[in-house]
PDB file of N, CA and C in Angstrom:
ATOM      1  N   MET A   1      -6.256  -8.724 -30.728  1.00  0.00           N
ATOM      2  CA  MET A   1      -5.173  -9.580 -30.986  1.00  0.00           C
ATOM      3  C   MET A   1      -4.090  -7.538 -31.382  1.00  0.00           C
ATOM      4  N   GLU A   2      -2.473  -8.645 -31.778  1.00  0.00           N
ATOM      5  CA  GLU A   2      -1.742  -7.802 -31.562  1.00  0.00           C
ATOM      6  C   GLU A   2      -0.911  -8.956 -33.133  1.00  0.00           C
ATOM      7  N   THR A   3      -0.253  -8.125 -34.302  1.00  0.00           N
ATOM      8  CA  THR A   3       0.581  -8.484 -35.669  1.00  0.00           C
ATOM      9  C   THR A   3       0.899  -9.462 -34.917  1.00  0.00           C
ATOM     10  N   ALA A   4       1.814  -9.551 -33.688  1.00  0.00           N
ATOM     11  CA  ALA A   4       2.896 -10.606 -33.454  1.00  0.00           C
ATOM     12  C   ALA A   4       1.696 -11.319 -32.841  1.00  0.00           C
ATOM     13  N   ASP A   5       0.819 -11.557 -31.935  1.00  0.00           N
ATOM     14  CA  ASP A   5       0.411 -12.898 -31.594  1.00  0.00           C
ATOM     15  C   ASP A   5      -0.286 -12.902 -33.089  1.00  0.00           C
ATOM     16  N   ILE A   6      -0.632 -12.622 -34.118  1.00  0.00           N
ATOM     17  CA  ILE A   6      -1.025 -13.279 -35.672  1.00  0.00           C
ATOM     18  C   ILE A   6      -0.223 -13.897 -36.157  1.00  0.00           C
ATOM     19  N   LEU A   7       1.412 -12.942 -36.444  1.00  0.00           N
ATOM     20  CA  LEU A   7       2.116 -14.374 -36.573  1.00  0.00           C
ATOM     21  C   LEU A   7       2.545 -15.461 -36.069  1.00  0.00           C
ATOM     22  N   ARG A   8       2.846 -15.190 -34.642  1.00  0.00           N
ATOM     23  CA  ARG A   8       2.849 -16.620 -33.868  1.00  0.00           C
ATOM     24  C   ARG A   8       1.604 -17.848 -34.117  1.00  0.00           C
ATOM     25  N   LEU A   9       0.402 -17.000 -34.233  1.00  0.00           N
ATOM     26  CA  LEU A   9      -0.440 -18.519 -34.797  1.00  0.00           C
ATOM     27  C   LEU A   9      -0.030 -19.187 -36.201  1.00  0.00           C
ATOM     28  N   ILE A  10       0.080 -17.505 -36.760  1.00  0.00           N
ATOM     29  CA  ILE A  10       0.021 -18.842 -38.088  1.00  0.00           C
ATOM     30  C   ILE A  10       1.190 -19.582 -38.274  1.00  0.00           C
ATOM     31  N   LEU A  11       2.094 -18.883 -38.419  1.00  0.00           N
ATOM     32  CA  LEU A  11       3.521 -20.104 -37.450  1.00  0.00           C
ATOM     33  C   LEU A  11       3.504 -21.355 -36.650  1.00  0.00           C
ATOM     34  N   LEU A  12       2.403 -21.120 -35.738  1.00  0.00           N
ATOM     35  CA  LEU A  12       2.419 -22.856 -34.986  1.00  0.00           C
ATOM     36  C   LEU A  12       1.248 -23.490 -36.221  1.00  0.00           C
ATOM     37  N   LEU A  13       0.720 -23.240 -36.762  1.00  0.00           N
ATOM     38  CA  LEU A  13      -0.797 -23.582 -37.634  1.00  0.00           C
ATOM     39  C   LEU A  13       0.330 -23.954 -38.812  1.00  0.00           C
ATOM     40  N   GLY A  14       1.017 -23.290 -39.508  1.00  0.00           N
ATOM     41  CA  GLY A  14       1.556 -23.721 -39.921  1.00  0.00           C
ATOM     42  C   GLY A  14       2.403 -25.037 -40.038  1.00  0.00           C
ATOM     43  N   CYS A  15       3.201 -25.292 -39.476  1.00  0.00           N
ATOM     44  CA  CYS A  15       4.038 -25.939 -38.513  1.00  0.00           C
ATOM     45  C   CYS A  15       3.837 -27.606 -38.458  1.00  0.00           C
ATOM     46  N   ALA A  16       1.999 -27.190 -37.558  1.00  0.00           N
ATOM     47  CA  ALA A  16       1.395 -27.999 -37.316  1.00  0.00           C
ATOM     48  C   ALA A  16       0.725 -29.009 -38.251  1.00  0.00           C
ATOM     49  N   GLY A  17       0.108 -28.155 -39.047  1.00  0.00           N
ATOM     50  CA  GLY A  17       0.043 -28.576 -40.583  1.00  0.00           C
ATOM     51  C   GLY A  17       1.043 -28.941 -41.754  1.00  0.00           C
ATOM     52  N   MET A  18       2.338 -28.894 -41.693  1.00  0.00           N
ATOM     53  CA  MET A  18       3.645 -29.850 -41.792  1.00  0.00           C
ATOM     54  C   MET A  18       3.910 -30.703 -41.550  1.00  0.00           C
ATOM     55  N   ALA A  19       3.467 -31.386 -39.503  1.00  0.00           N
ATOM     56  CA  ALA A  19       3.448 -32.197 -39.048  1.00  0.00           C
ATOM     57  C   ALA A  19       2.099 -33.357 -39.508  1.00  0.00           C
ATOM     58  N   VAL A  20       1.661 -32.982 -39.776  1.00  0.00           N
ATOM     59  CA  VAL A  20      -0.066 -33.517 -40.370  1.00  0.00           C
ATOM     60  C   VAL A  20       0.145 -34.448 -41.303  1.00  0.00           C
ATOM     61  N   MET A  21       0.918 -33.196 -42.695  1.00  0.00           N
ATOM     62  CA  MET A  21       1.110 -33.675 -43.723  1.00  0.00           C
ATOM     63  C   MET A  21       2.554 -35.119 -43.461  1.00  0.00           C
ATOM     64  N   ALA A  22       3.315 -34.424 -42.803  1.00  0.00           N
ATOM     65  CA  ALA A  22       4.699 -35.914 -42.624  1.00  0.00           C
ATOM     66  C   ALA A  22       3.937 -37.053 -41.950  1.00  0.00           C
ATOM     67  N   PHE A  23       3.000 -36.921 -41.200  1.00  0.00           N
ATOM     68  CA  PHE A  23       1.940 -38.147 -40.713  1.00  0.00           C
ATOM     69  C   PHE A  23       0.759 -38.819 -41.571  1.00  0.00           C
ATOM     70  N   VAL A  24       0.245 -37.976 -42.552  1.00  0.00           N
ATOM     71  CA  VAL A  24      -0.908 -38.692 -44.210  1.00  0.00           C
ATOM     72  C   VAL A  24       0.487 -39.491 -44.367  1.00  0.00           C
ATOM     73  N   TYR A  25       1.348 -39.434 -45.092  1.00  0.00           N
ATOM     74  CA  TYR A  25       2.145 -39.612 -45.913  1.00  0.00           C
ATOM     75  C   TYR A  25       3.009 -41.076 -45.219  1.00  0.00           C
ATOM     76  N   LEU A  26       3.703 -40.666 -43.803  1.00  0.00           N
ATOM     77  CA  LEU A  26       3.935 -41.667 -43.825  1.00  0.00           C
ATOM     78  C   LEU A  26       3.256 -42.977 -42.658  1.00  0.00           C
ATOM     79  N   ARG A  27       2.285 -42.636 -43.129  1.00  0.00           N
ATOM     80  CA  ARG A  27       1.074 -43.759 -42.839  1.00  0.00           C
ATOM     81  C   ARG A  27       0.926 -44.572 -44.292  1.00  0.00           C
ATOM     82  N   ARG A  28       1.341 -44.042 -45.264  1.00  0.00           N
ATOM     83  CA  ARG A  28       0.418 -44.604 -46.196  1.00  0.00           C
ATOM     84  C   ARG A  28       1.798 -45.162 -46.863  1.00  0.00           C
ATOM     85  N   ARG A  29       3.289 -45.529 -46.034  1.00  0.00           N
ATOM     86  CA  ARG A  29       4.090 -46.186 -46.050  1.00  0.00           C
ATOM     87  C   ARG A  29       4.586 -47.793 -45.154  1.00  0.00           C
ATOM     88  N   ARG A  30       5.343 -48.803 -45.788  1.00  0.00           N
ATOM     89  CA  ARG A  30       5.350 -49.583 -44.847  1.00  0.00           C
ATOM     90  C   ARG A  30       6.340 -49.552 -43.604  1.00  0.00           C
ATOM     91  N   LEU A  31       6.273 -49.385 -42.324  1.00  0.00           N
ATOM     92  CA  LEU A  31       7.176 -49.175 -41.391  1.00  0.00           C
ATOM     93  C   LEU A  31       7.144 -49.670 -40.219  1.00  0.00           C
ATOM     94  N   GLN A  32       7.878 -50.578 -39.674  1.00  0.00           N
ATOM     95  CA  GLN A  32       7.925 -51.057 -38.842  1.00  0.00           C
ATOM     96  C   GLN A  32       7.722 -49.460 -37.151  1.00  0.00           C
ATOM     97  N   TRP A  33       7.065 -49.667 -36.267  1.00  0.00           N
ATOM     98  CA  TRP A  33       6.231 -48.892 -35.180  1.00  0.00           C
ATOM     99  C   TRP A  33       7.552 -47.808 -34.810  1.00  0.00           C
ATOM    100  N   TRP A  34       9.025 -48.475 -34.515  1.00  0.00           N
ATOM    101  CA  TRP A  34       9.057 -47.683 -34.503  1.00  0.00           C
ATOM    102  C   TRP A  34       9.867 -46.765 -35.372  1.00  0.00           C
ATOM    103  N   GLN A  35      10.744 -47.041 -36.269  1.00  0.00           N
ATOM    104  CA  GLN A  35      10.433 -46.553 -37.266  1.00  0.00           C
ATOM    105  C   GLN A  35       9.274 -44.951 -37.411  1.00  0.00           C
ATOM    106  N   PHE A  36       8.257 -44.971 -37.420  1.00  0.00           N
ATOM    107  CA  PHE A  36       7.154 -44.759 -37.965  1.00  0.00           C
ATOM    108  C   PHE A  36       7.577 -43.516 -36.176  1.00  0.00           C
ATOM    109  N   ILE A  37       7.788 -43.803 -35.009  1.00  0.00           N
ATOM    110  CA  ILE A  37       7.995 -42.988 -34.174  1.00  0.00           C
ATOM    111  C   ILE A  37       8.883 -41.643 -34.609  1.00  0.00           C
ATOM    112  N   LEU A  38      10.306 -42.696 -35.122  1.00  0.00           N
ATOM    113  CA  LEU A  38      11.248 -41.967 -35.619  1.00  0.00           C
ATOM    114  C   LEU A  38      11.572 -40.502 -36.268  1.00  0.00           C
ATOM    115  N   TRP A  39      10.145 -41.436 -37.982  1.00  0.00           N
ATOM    116  CA  TRP A  39      10.082 -40.247 -38.449  1.00  0.00           C
ATOM    117  C   TRP A  39       9.282 -39.353 -37.987  1.00  0.00           C
ATOM    118  N   GLU A  40       8.479 -39.684 -37.911  1.00  0.00           N
ATOM    119  CA  GLU A  40       7.513 -38.549 -37.065  1.00  0.00           C
ATOM    120  C   GLU A  40       7.814 -37.389 -36.178  1.00  0.00           C
ATOM    121  N   THR A  41       9.034 -38.054 -35.393  1.00  0.00           N
ATOM    122  CA  THR A  41       9.864 -37.467 -34.357  1.00  0.00           C
ATOM    123  C   THR A  41      10.333 -35.948 -35.134  1.00  0.00           C
ATOM    124  N   LEU A  42      11.111 -36.955 -36.298  1.00  0.00           N
ATOM    125  CA  LEU A  42      11.782 -36.054 -36.810  1.00  0.00           C
ATOM    126  C   LEU A  42      11.478 -34.635 -37.388  1.00  0.00           C
ATOM    127  N   ALA A  43       9.646 -34.988 -37.952  1.00  0.00           N
ATOM    128  CA  ALA A  43       9.309 -33.837 -39.142  1.00  0.00           C
ATOM    129  C   ALA A  43       8.783 -32.856 -37.508  1.00  0.00           C
ATOM    130  N   ILE A  44       8.804 -33.142 -36.470  1.00  0.00           N
ATOM    131  CA  ILE A  44       8.309 -32.532 -35.264  1.00  0.00           C
ATOM    132  C   ILE A  44       9.696 -31.069 -34.483  1.00  0.00           C
ATOM    133  N   ILE A  45      10.338 -31.850 -34.202  1.00  0.00           N
ATOM    134  CA  ILE A  45      11.335 -31.541 -33.623  1.00  0.00           C
ATOM    135  C   ILE A  45      11.891 -30.254 -34.929  1.00  0.00           C
ATOM    136  N   LEU A  46      12.239 -31.066 -36.314  1.00  0.00           N
ATOM    137  CA  LEU A  46      12.348 -29.750 -37.523  1.00  0.00           C
ATOM    138  C   LEU A  46      11.196 -28.977 -38.229  1.00  0.00           C
ATOM    139  N   PRO A  47      10.041 -28.797 -37.678  1.00  0.00           N
ATOM    140  CA  PRO A  47       8.929 -27.848 -38.064  1.00  0.00           C
ATOM    141  C   PRO A  47       9.065 -27.651 -39.249  1.00  0.00           C
ATOM    142  N   VAL A  48      10.261 -27.049 -39.626  1.00  0.00           N
ATOM    143  CA  VAL A  48       9.328 -26.679 -41.210  1.00  0.00           C
ATOM    144  C   VAL A  48      10.215 -28.142 -42.207  1.00  0.00           C
ATOM    145  N   LEU A  49      11.366 -27.487 -42.176  1.00  0.00           N
ATOM    146  CA  LEU A  49      12.428 -28.675 -42.941  1.00  0.00           C
ATOM    147  C   LEU A  49      11.849 -30.002 -42.378  1.00  0.00           C
ATOM    148  N   GLY A  50      11.356 -30.945 -41.710  1.00  0.00           N
ATOM    149  CA  GLY A  50      11.287 -32.196 -41.152  1.00  0.00           C
ATOM    150  C   GLY A  50      10.346 -33.010 -42.235  1.00  0.00           C
ATOM    151  N   PRO A  51       9.065 -32.311 -42.318  1.00  0.00           N
ATOM    152  CA  PRO A  51       8.038 -33.190 -43.512  1.00  0.00           C
ATOM    153  C   PRO A  51       8.986 -33.250 -44.745  1.00  0.00           C
ATOM    154  N   PHE A  52       9.311 -32.235 -45.543  1.00  0.00           N
ATOM    155  CA  PHE A  52       9.930 -32.504 -46.613  1.00  0.00           C
ATOM    156  C   PHE A  52      11.134 -33.314 -46.465  1.00  0.00           C
ATOM    157  N   LEU A  53      11.761 -33.621 -45.506  1.00  0.00           N
ATOM    158  CA  LEU A  53      12.322 -34.722 -44.925  1.00  0.00           C
ATOM    159  C   LEU A  53      12.632 -35.963 -45.871  1.00  0.00           C
ATOM    160  N   VAL A  54      10.998 -36.287 -44.590  1.00  0.00           N
ATOM    161  CA  VAL A  54      10.623 -37.430 -44.813  1.00  0.00           C
ATOM    162  C   VAL A  54      10.511 -38.038 -46.225  1.00  0.00           C
ATOM    163  N   ILE A  55       9.826 -36.804 -47.134  1.00  0.00           N
ATOM    164  CA  ILE A  55       9.033 -37.393 -48.506  1.00  0.00           C
ATOM    165  C   ILE A  55      10.155 -37.314 -48.470  1.00  0.00           C
ATOM    166  N   VAL A  56      10.845 -36.498 -49.135  1.00  0.00           N
ATOM    167  CA  VAL A  56      11.895 -36.399 -49.927  1.00  0.00           C
ATOM    168  C   VAL A  56      12.994 -37.972 -50.225  1.00  0.00           C
ATOM    169  N   PHE A  57      13.120 -39.244 -48.594  1.00  0.00           N
ATOM    170  CA  PHE A  57      14.000 -40.008 -48.130  1.00  0.00           C
ATOM    171  C   PHE A  57      13.450 -40.814 -48.459  1.00  0.00           C
ATOM    172  N   LYS A  58      12.110 -41.098 -48.393  1.00  0.00           N
ATOM    173  CA  LYS A  58      11.027 -41.643 -48.776  1.00  0.00           C
ATOM    174  C   LYS A  58      11.066 -43.036 -47.562  1.00  0.00           C
ATOM    175  N   PRO A  59      10.658 -43.061 -46.343  1.00  0.00           N
ATOM    176  CA  PRO A  59      11.295 -44.123 -45.923  1.00  0.00           C
ATOM    177  C   PRO A  59       9.961 -45.374 -45.711  1.00  0.00           C
ATOM    178  N   GLY A  60      11.166 -46.784 -45.604  1.00  0.00           N
ATOM    179  CA  GLY A  60      10.066 -48.542 -45.693  1.00  0.00           C
ATOM    180  C   GLY A  60       9.833 -47.974 -47.180  1.00  0.00           C
ATOM    181  N   GLU A  61       8.612 -49.240 -47.526  1.00  0.00           N
ATOM    182  CA  GLU A  61       8.274 -49.419 -48.641  1.00  0.00           C
ATOM    183  C   GLU A  61       6.722 -49.024 -48.700  1.00  0.00           C
ATOM    184  N   SER A  62       6.303 -48.553 -50.317  1.00  0.00           N
ATOM    185  CA  SER A  62       5.262 -48.354 -50.514  1.00  0.00           C
ATOM    186  C   SER A  62       4.020 -49.230 -51.005  1.00  0.00           C
ATOM    187  N   TYR A  63       3.100 -49.426 -49.596  1.00  0.00           N
ATOM    188  CA  TYR A  63       1.753 -50.215 -50.112  1.00  0.00           C
ATOM    189  C   TYR A  63       1.302 -49.807 -51.392  1.00  0.00           C
ATOM    190  N   GLY A  64       1.878 -48.833 -52.094  1.00  0.00           N
ATOM    191  CA  GLY A  64       1.132 -49.150 -53.933  1.00  0.00           C
ATOM    192  C   GLY A  64      -0.021 -48.343 -54.244  1.00  0.00           C
ATOM    193  N   SER A  65       0.098 -47.705 -55.003  1.00  0.00           N
ATOM    194  CA  SER A  65      -0.736 -46.366 -55.271  1.00  0.00           C
ATOM    195  C   SER A  65      -2.158 -47.325 -55.495  1.00  0.00           C
ATOM    196  N   ILE A  66      -3.187 -46.549 -55.911  1.00  0.00           N
ATOM    197  CA  ILE A  66      -4.927 -46.923 -56.285  1.00  0.00           C
ATOM    198  C   ILE A  66      -4.356 -47.445 -57.523  1.00  0.00           C
ATOM    199  N   GLN A  67      -3.820 -47.231 -58.918  1.00  0.00           N
ATOM    200  CA  GLN A  67      -3.551 -47.196 -60.573  1.00  0.00           C
ATOM    201  C   GLN A  67      -3.060 -48.894 -60.431  1.00  0.00           C
ATOM    202  N   GLU A  68      -2.177 -49.057 -59.657  1.00  0.00           N
ATOM    203  CA  GLU A  68      -1.297 -50.299 -59.385  1.00  0.00           C
ATOM    204  C   GLU A  68      -2.237 -51.438 -58.869  1.00  0.00           C
ATOM    205  N   THR A  69      -2.621 -51.083 -57.757  1.00  0.00           N
ATOM    206  CA  THR A  69      -4.108 -52.031 -57.458  1.00  0.00           C
ATOM    207  C   THR A  69      -5.198 -52.604 -58.551  1.00  0.00           C
ATOM    208  N   ARG A  70      -5.055 -51.733 -59.149  1.00  0.00           N
ATOM    209  CA  ARG A  70      -6.106 -51.869 -60.526  1.00  0.00           C
ATOM    210  C   ARG A  70      -5.489 -52.359 -61.216  1.00  0.00           C
ATOM    211  N   ARG A  71      -4.327 -52.206 -61.469  1.00  0.00           N
ATOM    212  CA  ARG A  71      -4.504 -52.764 -62.824  1.00  0.00           C
ATOM    213  C   ARG A  71      -3.627 -53.866 -62.790  1.00  0.00           C
ATOM    214  N   GLN A  72      -3.195 -54.295 -61.198  1.00  0.00           N
ATOM    215  CA  GLN A  72      -2.784 -55.979 -60.989  1.00  0.00           C
ATOM    216  C   GLN A  72      -4.233 -56.862 -60.816  1.00  0.00           C
ATOM    217  N   ARG A  73      -5.290 -56.517 -60.191  1.00  0.00           N
ATOM    218  CA  ARG A  73      -7.247 -57.355 -60.176  1.00  0.00           C
ATOM    219  C   ARG A  73      -7.722 -57.422 -61.871  1.00  0.00           C
ATOM    220  N   ARG A  74      -6.855 -56.101 -62.588  1.00  0.00           N
ATOM    221  CA  ARG A  74      -7.828 -56.038 -63.595  1.00  0.00           C
ATOM    222  C   ARG A  74      -7.283 -57.149 -64.462  1.00  0.00           C
ATOM    223  N   PRO A  75      -8.576 -57.849 -65.442  1.00  0.00           N
ATOM    224  CA  PRO A  75      -7.093 -58.718 -66.338  1.00  0.00           C
ATOM    225  C   PRO A  75      -7.236 -58.034 -68.107  1.00  0.00           C
ATOM    226  N   ALA A  76      -5.880 -58.574 -68.563  1.00  0.00           N
ATOM    227  CA  ALA A  76      -5.617 -57.552 -69.917  1.00  0.00           C
ATOM    228  C   ALA A  76      -7.244 -57.720 -71.047  1.00  0.00           C
ATOM    229  N   ARG A  77      -7.890 -56.733 -71.438  1.00  0.00           N
ATOM    230  CA  ARG A  77      -8.434 -56.885 -72.563  1.00  0.00           C
ATOM    231  C   ARG A  77      -8.252 -56.682 -74.131  1.00  0.00           C
ATOM    232  N   TYR A  78      -8.253 -57.752 -74.243  1.00  0.00           N
ATOM    233  CA  TYR A  78      -7.623 -58.933 -75.660  1.00  0.00           C
ATOM    234  C   TYR A  78      -8.326 -59.222 -76.427  1.00  0.00           C
TER     235      TYR A  78
END
């Protein structure tokens, strides 16, 4: 393999990794199916900047973190 081929492979893997990162983040958000497709398409079309835009704009509502869910279930100890 030549150096140019290795660099192309690294670039392709980096872009795919960022698209997966955006997909995992969007799964944790409350979105309609068309909103999910729109945001994931943005992340794929803009491979370097897209995932960061998805995370910064925080589309939809959060399902809540694990700590918030545990706090709501656990009664206060006083």
